[in-house]
C-alpha atoms as a PDB file:
ATOM      1  CA  MET A   1     184.522  84.803  85.130  1.00  0.00           C
ATOM      2  CA  THR A   2     186.196  85.622  81.795  1.00  0.00           C
ATOM      3  CA  GLN A   3     184.318  87.679  79.184  1.00  0.00           C
ATOM      4  CA  LEU A   4     185.181  87.292  75.417  1.00  0.00           C
ATOM      5  CA  ILE A   5     184.131  89.246  72.424  1.00  0.00           C
ATOM      6  CA  LEU A   6     183.967  87.024  69.137  1.00  0.00           C
ATOM      7  CA  LYS A   7     184.375  88.600  65.964  1.00  0.00           C
ATOM      8  CA  ASP A   8     185.981  86.180  63.460  1.00  0.00           C
ATOM      9  CA  ILE A   9     184.331  82.733  64.067  1.00  0.00           C
ATOM     10  CA  PRO A  10     183.648  79.821  61.920  1.00  0.00           C
ATOM     11  CA  PRO A  11     179.945  79.803  60.829  1.00  0.00           C
ATOM     12  CA  GLU A  12     178.885  76.636  62.504  1.00  0.00           C
ATOM     13  CA  LEU A  13     180.152  78.040  65.851  1.00  0.00           C
ATOM     14  CA  ALA A  14     178.371  81.494  65.202  1.00  0.00           C
ATOM     15  CA  GLU A  15     175.210  79.686  64.683  1.00  0.00           C
ATOM     16  CA  ALA A  16     175.342  77.643  67.809  1.00  0.00           C
ATOM     17  CA  ILE A  17     176.099  80.708  69.616  1.00  0.00           C
ATOM     18  CA  THR A  18     173.033  82.684  68.282  1.00  0.00           C
ATOM     19  CA  GLU A  19     170.792  79.559  69.113  1.00  0.00           C
ATOM     20  CA  VAL A  20     172.546  79.590  72.681  1.00  0.00           C
ATOM     21  CA  ALA A  21     172.100  83.438  72.879  1.00  0.00           C
ATOM     22  CA  ALA A  22     168.262  83.138  71.895  1.00  0.00           C
ATOM     23  CA  GLY A  23     167.466  80.508  74.689  1.00  0.00           C
ATOM     24  CA  GLU A  24     166.758  77.805  71.964  1.00  0.00           C
ATOM     25  CA  ASP A  25     169.390  75.361  72.609  1.00  0.00           C
ATOM     26  CA  ARG A  26     172.501  74.427  74.713  1.00  0.00           C
ATOM     27  CA  VAL A  27     175.619  73.567  72.950  1.00  0.00           C
ATOM     28  CA  ILE A  28     178.459  71.220  73.838  1.00  0.00           C
ATOM     29  CA  ILE A  29     181.752  72.248  72.342  1.00  0.00           C
ATOM     30  CA  GLU A  30     184.753  69.951  72.040  1.00  0.00           C
ATOM     31  CA  TYR A  31     187.833  71.809  72.511  1.00  0.00           C
ATOM     32  CA  GLN A  32     191.327  70.069  72.668  1.00  0.00           C
ATOM     33  CA  GLY A  33     189.655  66.831  73.355  1.00  0.00           C
ATOM     34  CA  LYS A  34     187.535  68.353  76.141  1.00  0.00           C
ATOM     35  CA  ARG A  35     183.651  68.808  76.180  1.00  0.00           C
ATOM     36  CA  VAL A  36     182.699  72.401  77.418  1.00  0.00           C
ATOM     37  CA  ALA A  37     178.997  73.683  77.303  1.00  0.00           C
ATOM     38  CA  ALA A  38     177.540  77.027  76.172  1.00  0.00           C
ATOM     39  CA  VAL A  39     174.413  78.168  78.032  1.00  0.00           C
ATOM     40  CA  SER A  40     172.331  81.294  77.882  1.00  0.00           C
ATOM     41  CA  LEU A  41     172.888  84.086  80.295  1.00  0.00           C
ATOM     42  CA  ASP A  42     169.601  83.428  81.863  1.00  0.00           C
ATOM     43  CA  LEU A  43     170.515  79.644  82.370  1.00  0.00           C
ATOM     44  CA  LEU A  44     173.844  80.663  83.833  1.00  0.00           C
ATOM     45  CA  GLU A  45     172.301  83.124  86.117  1.00  0.00           C
ATOM     46  CA  TRP A  46     169.823  80.731  87.493  1.00  0.00           C
ATOM     47  CA  ILE A  47     173.049  78.228  87.914  1.00  0.00           C
ATOM     48  CA  GLU A  48     174.749  80.814  90.074  1.00  0.00           C
ATOM     49  CA  GLU A  49     171.617  81.640  92.014  1.00  0.00           C
ATOM     50  CA  ILE A  50     171.474  77.968  92.992  1.00  0.00           C
ATOM     51  CA  GLU A  51     175.137  77.924  93.733  1.00  0.00           C
ATOM     52  CA  ASP A  52     174.809  81.131  96.071  1.00  0.00           C
ATOM     53  CA  GLN A  53     171.859  79.440  97.776  1.00  0.00           C
ATOM     54  CA  ILE A  54     173.897  76.402  98.416  1.00  0.00           C
ATOM     55  CA  ASP A  55     176.990  78.732  99.824  1.00  0.00           C
ATOM     56  CA  ARG A  56     174.522  80.291 102.068  1.00  0.00           C
ATOM     57  CA  GLU A  57     173.281  77.332 103.267  1.00  0.00           C
ATOM     58  CA  GLU A  58     176.770  75.965 104.085  1.00  0.00           C
ATOM     59  CA  ILE A  59     177.668  79.288 105.905  1.00  0.00           C
ATOM     60  CA  ARG A  60     174.626  78.916 107.991  1.00  0.00           C
ATOM     61  CA  LYS A  61     175.422  75.599 109.010  1.00  0.00           C
ATOM     62  CA  ALA A  62     178.860  76.439 109.852  1.00  0.00           C
ATOM     63  CA  ARG A  63     178.047  79.372 111.808  1.00  0.00           C
ATOM     64  CA  GLU A  64     175.480  77.060 113.723  1.00  0.00           C
ATOM     65  CA  GLU A  65     178.321  74.601 114.248  1.00  0.00           C
ATOM     66  CA  MET A  66     180.587  77.373 115.584  1.00  0.00           C
ATOM     67  CA  ALA A  67     177.744  78.546 118.075  1.00  0.00           C
ATOM     68  CA  GLN A  68     177.383  75.063 119.237  1.00  0.00           C
ATOM     69  CA  GLU A  69     180.787  73.722 119.668  1.00  0.00           C
ATOM     70  CA  GLY A  70     182.815  76.764 119.907  1.00  0.00           C
ATOM     71  CA  THR A  71     186.083  77.873 117.766  1.00  0.00           C
ATOM     72  CA  ILE A  72     189.908  77.056 118.348  1.00  0.00           C
ATOM     73  CA  PRO A  73     191.703  80.562 119.370  1.00  0.00           C
ATOM     74  CA  TRP A  74     194.155  81.548 116.387  1.00  0.00           C
ATOM     75  CA  GLU A  75     197.084  81.373 119.003  1.00  0.00           C
ATOM     76  CA  GLN A  76     196.356  77.668 119.701  1.00  0.00           C
ATOM     77  CA  VAL A  77     196.295  76.724 116.038  1.00  0.00           C
ATOM     78  CA  LYS A  78     199.721  78.477 115.492  1.00  0.00           C
ATOM     79  CA  ALA A  79     201.185  76.646 118.421  1.00  0.00           C
ATOM     80  CA  GLU A  80     199.951  73.460 117.338  1.00  0.00           C
ATOM     81  CA  LEU A  81     201.455  74.074 113.914  1.00  0.00           C
ATOM     82  CA  ASN A  82     204.724  75.473 115.163  1.00  0.00           C
ATOM     83  CA  LEU A  83     204.052  78.645 113.251  1.00  0.00           C
END
């Protein structure tokens, strides 16, 4: 994730960032015709935790599938792909 230090920015953007930092608002910023959002760090951390939970569930399912169905040996994969 990229981290930026903002110094010289337009007053409107500074105000929006202040509101987001205080947890008072979420902001949609349009940049080069594309919409991007600015959210508080608390909300970002919450979103990342949900993503981590989803990842852990997918890993659990994949491991369960491997235990039930087995795996394909790497040598077999290489042979099938002519590697």
